[in-house]
Amino acid sequence: MTTIPDTIEREIIVAASQERVYAAISDPTQITQWFPDMVEGSLTPGEQPIFIFEGHGKTRVLIVDARPVDYFAFRWIPGSSDVVDDVTCVPTTLVEFTLEAVEEQTKIFMKESGFAQLPMDVAQEKFDMNSGGWGYMMGRLETFLA
């Protein structure tokens, strides 16, 4: 029996304040500078906005929590280009950003978990795709904050 990895973790340290980093991951006008190309809707807890990735489709997310200036989390269908009506009705993963001040910098810890709970026929593919994807996106975030 094949075991599906459950969690992707990435960590970077940037020369920016927690306030600046939090805005970059939670403000629709800033998150589109490094992650989705567009956001339709609000990034407040309980809302289900749509992230639009040009050339890759759209995906609805559920904003789980937003605690300025140290935590932001959402659920989504990883690697999906189908927009569902309600994210809570389908298998998802949880993406969490935890921010910590480190001297004059901010440590950004990103964790996406829940791959082992996805349907077996797509779990490994979604894990592999997002594993590389998060490396790329965290690099874009770091560049945006520089």
N, C-alpha and C. Protein backbone atom coordinates (compact mmCIF):
# COMPACT_ATOMS: atom_id res chain seq x y z
N MET A 1 0.84 -1.19 0.00
CA MET A 1 0.00 0.00 0.00
C MET A 1 0.88 1.25 0.00
N THR A 2 0.56 2.18 -0.87
CA THR A 2 1.32 3.42 -0.99
C THR A 2 0.82 4.43 0.03
N THR A 3 1.77 5.07 0.71
CA THR A 3 1.42 6.11 1.66
C THR A 3 1.57 7.46 0.98
N ILE A 4 0.53 8.26 1.03
CA ILE A 4 0.54 9.59 0.43
C ILE A 4 1.09 10.57 1.46
N PRO A 5 2.09 11.38 1.09
CA PRO A 5 2.55 12.42 2.02
C PRO A 5 1.39 13.38 2.31
N ASP A 6 1.31 13.86 3.52
CA ASP A 6 0.18 14.70 3.91
C ASP A 6 0.47 16.19 3.90
N THR A 7 1.73 16.58 4.07
CA THR A 7 2.03 17.98 4.34
C THR A 7 3.19 18.52 3.51
N ILE A 8 3.01 19.74 3.02
CA ILE A 8 4.09 20.49 2.38
C ILE A 8 4.40 21.66 3.31
N GLU A 9 5.69 21.88 3.56
CA GLU A 9 6.10 23.00 4.41
C GLU A 9 7.19 23.78 3.71
N ARG A 10 7.10 25.10 3.78
CA ARG A 10 8.12 26.00 3.25
C ARG A 10 8.34 27.10 4.28
N GLU A 11 9.56 27.56 4.37
CA GLU A 11 9.89 28.63 5.31
C GLU A 11 10.89 29.58 4.66
N ILE A 12 10.61 30.87 4.76
CA ILE A 12 11.54 31.88 4.29
C ILE A 12 11.61 32.98 5.33
N ILE A 13 12.69 33.74 5.31
CA ILE A 13 12.84 34.91 6.15
C ILE A 13 13.04 36.09 5.23
N VAL A 14 12.24 37.14 5.44
CA VAL A 14 12.30 38.31 4.57
C VAL A 14 12.60 39.56 5.39
N ALA A 15 13.20 40.53 4.74
CA ALA A 15 13.53 41.80 5.39
C ALA A 15 12.33 42.74 5.26
N ALA A 16 11.25 42.37 5.94
CA ALA A 16 10.02 43.16 5.94
C ALA A 16 9.33 42.95 7.28
N SER A 17 8.54 43.91 7.69
CA SER A 17 7.82 43.80 8.96
C SER A 17 6.69 42.79 8.85
N GLN A 18 6.22 42.30 10.00
CA GLN A 18 5.07 41.39 10.00
C GLN A 18 3.86 42.06 9.37
N GLU A 19 3.67 43.34 9.64
CA GLU A 19 2.54 44.06 9.08
C GLU A 19 2.59 44.05 7.55
N ARG A 20 3.78 44.29 7.01
CA ARG A 20 3.96 44.31 5.56
C ARG A 20 3.71 42.92 4.97
N VAL A 21 4.25 41.89 5.61
CA VAL A 21 4.07 40.52 5.12
C VAL A 21 2.60 40.11 5.23
N TYR A 22 1.96 40.43 6.35
CA TYR A 22 0.56 40.06 6.52
C TYR A 22 -0.30 40.68 5.42
N ALA A 23 -0.03 41.94 5.11
CA ALA A 23 -0.78 42.61 4.03
C ALA A 23 -0.55 41.89 2.70
N ALA A 24 0.67 41.43 2.46
CA ALA A 24 0.99 40.76 1.20
C ALA A 24 0.24 39.45 1.03
N ILE A 25 -0.10 38.78 2.14
CA ILE A 25 -0.80 37.50 2.02
C ILE A 25 -2.31 37.60 2.25
N SER A 26 -2.79 38.74 2.76
CA SER A 26 -4.22 38.83 3.12
C SER A 26 -4.98 39.94 2.42
N ASP A 27 -4.31 40.83 1.73
CA ASP A 27 -4.95 41.94 1.02
C ASP A 27 -5.09 41.56 -0.45
N PRO A 28 -6.33 41.55 -0.98
CA PRO A 28 -6.54 41.13 -2.37
C PRO A 28 -5.70 41.91 -3.39
N THR A 29 -5.43 43.18 -3.13
CA THR A 29 -4.64 43.96 -4.09
C THR A 29 -3.16 43.61 -4.03
N GLN A 30 -2.70 43.03 -2.91
CA GLN A 30 -1.30 42.66 -2.80
C GLN A 30 -1.05 41.18 -3.11
N ILE A 31 -1.95 40.30 -2.70
CA ILE A 31 -1.75 38.87 -2.94
C ILE A 31 -1.67 38.58 -4.44
N THR A 32 -2.34 39.41 -5.24
CA THR A 32 -2.31 39.21 -6.69
C THR A 32 -0.99 39.62 -7.32
N GLN A 33 -0.11 40.20 -6.54
CA GLN A 33 1.21 40.57 -7.05
C GLN A 33 2.18 39.38 -7.04
N TRP A 34 1.79 38.30 -6.32
CA TRP A 34 2.71 37.15 -6.24
C TRP A 34 2.02 35.79 -6.30
N PHE A 35 0.71 35.71 -6.07
CA PHE A 35 0.05 34.40 -6.01
C PHE A 35 -1.01 34.28 -7.10
N PRO A 36 -2.31 34.45 -6.84
CA PRO A 36 -3.24 34.39 -7.97
C PRO A 36 -3.14 35.69 -8.77
N ASP A 37 -3.57 35.63 -10.01
CA ASP A 37 -3.55 36.84 -10.85
C ASP A 37 -4.70 37.77 -10.51
N MET A 38 -5.80 37.20 -10.03
CA MET A 38 -6.96 38.00 -9.63
C MET A 38 -7.68 37.30 -8.48
N VAL A 39 -8.40 38.09 -7.70
CA VAL A 39 -9.24 37.57 -6.62
C VAL A 39 -10.63 38.16 -6.82
N GLU A 40 -11.63 37.29 -6.87
CA GLU A 40 -13.03 37.73 -6.91
C GLU A 40 -13.62 37.45 -5.54
N GLY A 41 -13.91 38.50 -4.77
CA GLY A 41 -14.49 38.32 -3.45
C GLY A 41 -13.56 38.81 -2.36
N SER A 42 -14.00 38.59 -1.15
CA SER A 42 -13.32 39.08 0.05
C SER A 42 -12.44 38.01 0.69
N LEU A 43 -11.32 38.44 1.28
CA LEU A 43 -10.42 37.51 1.98
C LEU A 43 -10.64 37.60 3.48
N THR A 44 -11.90 37.60 3.90
CA THR A 44 -12.23 37.62 5.32
C THR A 44 -12.75 36.25 5.74
N PRO A 45 -12.53 35.84 6.99
CA PRO A 45 -12.95 34.52 7.45
C PRO A 45 -14.42 34.22 7.14
N GLY A 46 -14.65 33.01 6.65
CA GLY A 46 -15.99 32.57 6.30
C GLY A 46 -16.36 32.81 4.86
N GLU A 47 -15.65 33.70 4.20
CA GLU A 47 -15.94 34.00 2.79
C GLU A 47 -15.31 32.94 1.88
N GLN A 48 -15.86 32.82 0.66
CA GLN A 48 -15.36 31.86 -0.32
C GLN A 48 -15.07 32.57 -1.64
N PRO A 49 -13.98 33.34 -1.66
CA PRO A 49 -13.61 34.03 -2.90
C PRO A 49 -13.07 33.06 -3.94
N ILE A 50 -12.90 33.57 -5.15
CA ILE A 50 -12.34 32.78 -6.24
C ILE A 50 -10.95 33.33 -6.55
N PHE A 51 -9.95 32.44 -6.60
CA PHE A 51 -8.60 32.79 -7.05
C PHE A 51 -8.52 32.44 -8.53
N ILE A 52 -8.05 33.39 -9.32
CA ILE A 52 -7.91 33.18 -10.76
C ILE A 52 -6.43 33.15 -11.10
N PHE A 53 -6.00 32.05 -11.71
CA PHE A 53 -4.62 31.87 -12.14
C PHE A 53 -4.63 31.86 -13.67
N GLU A 54 -4.16 32.93 -14.29
CA GLU A 54 -4.17 33.04 -15.75
C GLU A 54 -3.48 31.82 -16.37
N GLY A 55 -4.15 31.19 -17.31
CA GLY A 55 -3.61 30.03 -17.99
C GLY A 55 -3.77 28.73 -17.21
N HIS A 56 -4.25 28.82 -15.96
CA HIS A 56 -4.41 27.62 -15.13
C HIS A 56 -5.81 27.47 -14.57
N GLY A 57 -6.68 28.45 -14.78
CA GLY A 57 -8.05 28.35 -14.33
C GLY A 57 -8.35 29.08 -13.05
N LYS A 58 -9.48 28.74 -12.49
CA LYS A 58 -9.99 29.38 -11.28
C LYS A 58 -10.22 28.33 -10.21
N THR A 59 -10.15 28.75 -8.96
CA THR A 59 -10.50 27.85 -7.87
C THR A 59 -11.11 28.67 -6.73
N ARG A 60 -12.18 28.14 -6.17
CA ARG A 60 -12.80 28.79 -5.01
C ARG A 60 -12.06 28.34 -3.76
N VAL A 61 -11.87 29.27 -2.83
CA VAL A 61 -11.22 28.97 -1.56
C VAL A 61 -12.15 29.36 -0.42
N LEU A 62 -11.90 28.80 0.74
CA LEU A 62 -12.63 29.18 1.96
C LEU A 62 -11.63 29.81 2.90
N ILE A 63 -11.84 31.08 3.25
CA ILE A 63 -10.95 31.74 4.19
C ILE A 63 -11.31 31.22 5.59
N VAL A 64 -10.38 30.51 6.20
CA VAL A 64 -10.61 29.85 7.48
C VAL A 64 -10.35 30.78 8.66
N ASP A 65 -9.24 31.52 8.59
CA ASP A 65 -8.86 32.35 9.73
C ASP A 65 -7.96 33.48 9.25
N ALA A 66 -8.04 34.61 9.91
CA ALA A 66 -7.19 35.76 9.62
C ALA A 66 -6.95 36.50 10.92
N ARG A 67 -5.72 36.38 11.43
CA ARG A 67 -5.37 37.02 12.70
C ARG A 67 -4.18 37.95 12.46
N PRO A 68 -4.49 39.22 12.20
CA PRO A 68 -3.39 40.16 11.98
C PRO A 68 -2.50 40.19 13.22
N VAL A 69 -1.25 40.17 13.12
CA VAL A 69 -0.41 40.12 11.95
C VAL A 69 0.39 38.82 11.91
N ASP A 70 -0.19 37.75 12.45
CA ASP A 70 0.63 36.54 12.55
C ASP A 70 0.06 35.27 11.93
N TYR A 71 -1.19 35.27 11.42
CA TYR A 71 -1.74 34.01 10.91
C TYR A 71 -2.82 34.28 9.87
N PHE A 72 -2.76 33.52 8.76
CA PHE A 72 -3.77 33.59 7.71
C PHE A 72 -3.92 32.19 7.13
N ALA A 73 -5.15 31.71 6.98
CA ALA A 73 -5.35 30.33 6.51
C ALA A 73 -6.58 30.24 5.60
N PHE A 74 -6.46 29.35 4.60
CA PHE A 74 -7.59 29.07 3.73
C PHE A 74 -7.60 27.61 3.32
N ARG A 75 -8.77 27.12 2.92
CA ARG A 75 -8.92 25.77 2.37
C ARG A 75 -9.18 25.92 0.88
N TRP A 76 -8.66 24.94 0.13
CA TRP A 76 -8.92 24.92 -1.30
C TRP A 76 -8.78 23.51 -1.84
N ILE A 77 -9.19 23.35 -3.09
CA ILE A 77 -9.03 22.08 -3.79
C ILE A 77 -7.71 22.23 -4.54
N PRO A 78 -6.63 21.60 -4.08
CA PRO A 78 -5.33 21.84 -4.69
C PRO A 78 -5.29 21.45 -6.17
N GLY A 79 -4.72 22.36 -6.96
CA GLY A 79 -4.55 22.09 -8.37
C GLY A 79 -5.83 22.06 -9.17
N SER A 80 -6.91 22.56 -8.61
CA SER A 80 -8.21 22.50 -9.29
C SER A 80 -8.38 23.67 -10.24
N SER A 81 -9.02 23.43 -11.35
CA SER A 81 -9.41 24.51 -12.24
C SER A 81 -10.93 24.55 -12.37
N ASP A 82 -11.61 23.82 -11.49
CA ASP A 82 -13.06 23.82 -11.45
C ASP A 82 -13.52 24.66 -10.27
N VAL A 83 -14.48 25.53 -10.50
CA VAL A 83 -15.02 26.35 -9.42
C VAL A 83 -16.25 25.65 -8.86
N VAL A 84 -16.15 25.20 -7.62
CA VAL A 84 -17.29 24.57 -6.96
C VAL A 84 -18.11 25.65 -6.27
N ASP A 85 -19.37 25.34 -5.98
CA ASP A 85 -20.23 26.31 -5.32
C ASP A 85 -19.90 26.48 -3.85
N ASP A 86 -19.45 25.41 -3.19
CA ASP A 86 -19.19 25.45 -1.76
C ASP A 86 -17.99 24.57 -1.44
N VAL A 87 -16.89 25.20 -1.03
CA VAL A 87 -15.65 24.48 -0.74
C VAL A 87 -15.83 23.48 0.40
N THR A 88 -16.77 23.73 1.30
CA THR A 88 -16.95 22.85 2.46
C THR A 88 -17.55 21.50 2.09
N CYS A 89 -18.02 21.35 0.85
CA CYS A 89 -18.68 20.11 0.43
C CYS A 89 -17.77 19.16 -0.33
N VAL A 90 -16.48 19.50 -0.46
CA VAL A 90 -15.56 18.67 -1.22
C VAL A 90 -14.26 18.49 -0.44
N PRO A 91 -13.46 17.46 -0.75
CA PRO A 91 -12.17 17.29 -0.07
C PRO A 91 -11.23 18.46 -0.40
N THR A 92 -10.59 18.99 0.61
CA THR A 92 -9.70 20.14 0.44
C THR A 92 -8.42 19.94 1.23
N THR A 93 -7.48 20.85 1.00
CA THR A 93 -6.31 20.95 1.86
C THR A 93 -6.37 22.29 2.57
N LEU A 94 -5.63 22.38 3.65
CA LEU A 94 -5.57 23.61 4.45
C LEU A 94 -4.22 24.27 4.22
N VAL A 95 -4.23 25.52 3.78
CA VAL A 95 -3.01 26.30 3.58
C VAL A 95 -2.93 27.32 4.72
N GLU A 96 -1.81 27.29 5.45
CA GLU A 96 -1.63 28.17 6.59
C GLU A 96 -0.34 28.98 6.43
N PHE A 97 -0.43 30.25 6.73
CA PHE A 97 0.74 31.12 6.79
C PHE A 97 0.87 31.60 8.24
N THR A 98 2.00 31.31 8.85
CA THR A 98 2.29 31.76 10.21
C THR A 98 3.48 32.70 10.12
N LEU A 99 3.35 33.88 10.71
CA LEU A 99 4.39 34.91 10.64
C LEU A 99 4.98 35.13 12.03
N GLU A 100 6.30 35.29 12.05
CA GLU A 100 7.00 35.50 13.32
C GLU A 100 8.10 36.54 13.12
N ALA A 101 8.12 37.54 14.00
CA ALA A 101 9.18 38.55 13.94
C ALA A 101 10.50 37.92 14.37
N VAL A 102 11.55 38.18 13.58
CA VAL A 102 12.89 37.69 13.88
C VAL A 102 13.82 38.89 13.70
N GLU A 103 14.13 39.54 14.82
CA GLU A 103 14.91 40.79 14.80
C GLU A 103 14.20 41.78 13.89
N GLU A 104 14.87 42.26 12.84
CA GLU A 104 14.27 43.25 11.94
C GLU A 104 13.62 42.60 10.72
N GLN A 105 13.40 41.28 10.80
CA GLN A 105 12.86 40.53 9.67
C GLN A 105 11.61 39.76 10.10
N THR A 106 11.02 39.06 9.14
CA THR A 106 9.85 38.22 9.43
C THR A 106 10.07 36.83 8.85
N LYS A 107 9.85 35.83 9.69
CA LYS A 107 9.87 34.45 9.23
C LYS A 107 8.46 34.09 8.76
N ILE A 108 8.36 33.57 7.55
CA ILE A 108 7.09 33.15 6.98
C ILE A 108 7.13 31.63 6.90
N PHE A 109 6.23 30.99 7.62
CA PHE A 109 6.12 29.54 7.60
C PHE A 109 4.82 29.20 6.89
N MET A 110 4.92 28.51 5.75
CA MET A 110 3.75 28.09 4.99
C MET A 110 3.61 26.57 5.13
N LYS A 111 2.40 26.15 5.41
CA LYS A 111 2.12 24.72 5.55
C LYS A 111 0.81 24.41 4.82
N GLU A 112 0.86 23.43 3.93
CA GLU A 112 -0.37 22.93 3.30
C GLU A 112 -0.52 21.48 3.71
N SER A 113 -1.64 21.16 4.33
CA SER A 113 -1.86 19.81 4.85
C SER A 113 -3.21 19.26 4.40
N GLY A 114 -3.31 17.94 4.44
CA GLY A 114 -4.56 17.28 4.12
C GLY A 114 -4.52 16.47 2.83
N PHE A 115 -3.35 16.30 2.23
CA PHE A 115 -3.26 15.55 0.98
C PHE A 115 -3.66 14.09 1.16
N ALA A 116 -3.36 13.51 2.32
CA ALA A 116 -3.69 12.10 2.56
C ALA A 116 -5.20 11.87 2.62
N GLN A 117 -5.98 12.94 2.81
CA GLN A 117 -7.43 12.80 2.87
C GLN A 117 -8.09 13.02 1.50
N LEU A 118 -7.29 13.38 0.50
CA LEU A 118 -7.85 13.56 -0.84
C LEU A 118 -8.11 12.19 -1.47
N PRO A 119 -8.94 12.14 -2.51
CA PRO A 119 -9.16 10.86 -3.20
C PRO A 119 -7.82 10.27 -3.66
N MET A 120 -7.63 8.98 -3.43
CA MET A 120 -6.36 8.31 -3.70
C MET A 120 -5.89 8.47 -5.14
N ASP A 121 -6.82 8.54 -6.10
CA ASP A 121 -6.41 8.61 -7.50
C ASP A 121 -5.77 9.94 -7.88
N VAL A 122 -5.91 10.98 -7.04
CA VAL A 122 -5.31 12.29 -7.35
C VAL A 122 -4.38 12.82 -6.26
N ALA A 123 -4.36 12.20 -5.10
CA ALA A 123 -3.62 12.74 -3.95
C ALA A 123 -2.14 12.93 -4.24
N GLN A 124 -1.47 11.92 -4.77
CA GLN A 124 -0.03 12.04 -5.02
C GLN A 124 0.26 13.09 -6.08
N GLU A 125 -0.54 13.12 -7.13
CA GLU A 125 -0.35 14.12 -8.19
C GLU A 125 -0.50 15.54 -7.63
N LYS A 126 -1.52 15.77 -6.82
CA LYS A 126 -1.75 17.10 -6.23
C LYS A 126 -0.61 17.47 -5.29
N PHE A 127 -0.14 16.50 -4.50
CA PHE A 127 0.99 16.76 -3.60
C PHE A 127 2.23 17.15 -4.40
N ASP A 128 2.56 16.39 -5.42
CA ASP A 128 3.74 16.67 -6.23
C ASP A 128 3.64 18.04 -6.91
N MET A 129 2.47 18.34 -7.47
CA MET A 129 2.27 19.61 -8.16
C MET A 129 2.42 20.78 -7.19
N ASN A 130 1.78 20.69 -6.04
CA ASN A 130 1.83 21.80 -5.09
C ASN A 130 3.18 21.91 -4.39
N SER A 131 3.86 20.80 -4.25
CA SER A 131 5.18 20.84 -3.63
C SER A 131 6.11 21.75 -4.44
N GLY A 132 6.14 21.55 -5.73
CA GLY A 132 6.93 22.44 -6.59
C GLY A 132 6.33 23.82 -6.69
N GLY A 133 5.02 23.87 -6.73
CA GLY A 133 4.33 25.16 -6.85
C GLY A 133 4.60 26.09 -5.68
N TRP A 134 4.62 25.54 -4.47
CA TRP A 134 4.86 26.39 -3.30
C TRP A 134 6.30 26.90 -3.27
N GLY A 135 7.24 26.11 -3.74
CA GLY A 135 8.61 26.61 -3.84
C GLY A 135 8.66 27.84 -4.74
N TYR A 136 7.98 27.75 -5.87
CA TYR A 136 7.92 28.85 -6.84
C TYR A 136 7.19 30.07 -6.24
N MET A 137 6.02 29.83 -5.64
CA MET A 137 5.23 30.95 -5.11
C MET A 137 5.91 31.63 -3.92
N MET A 138 6.56 30.88 -3.08
CA MET A 138 7.26 31.50 -1.95
C MET A 138 8.43 32.35 -2.46
N GLY A 139 9.05 31.93 -3.55
CA GLY A 139 10.08 32.75 -4.18
C GLY A 139 9.51 34.05 -4.72
N ARG A 140 8.33 33.96 -5.31
CA ARG A 140 7.65 35.18 -5.81
C ARG A 140 7.28 36.11 -4.66
N LEU A 141 6.81 35.53 -3.55
CA LEU A 141 6.48 36.35 -2.37
C LEU A 141 7.73 37.06 -1.86
N GLU A 142 8.82 36.33 -1.76
CA GLU A 142 10.07 36.91 -1.29
C GLU A 142 10.51 38.06 -2.19
N THR A 143 10.40 37.88 -3.50
CA THR A 143 10.76 38.94 -4.45
C THR A 143 9.83 40.13 -4.29
N PHE A 144 8.52 39.89 -4.15
CA PHE A 144 7.56 40.96 -3.97
C PHE A 144 7.86 41.80 -2.73
N LEU A 145 8.28 41.14 -1.66
CA LEU A 145 8.55 41.84 -0.40
C LEU A 145 9.93 42.50 -0.36
N ALA A 146 10.79 42.20 -1.33
CA ALA A 146 12.15 42.76 -1.31
C ALA A 146 12.14 44.26 -1.62
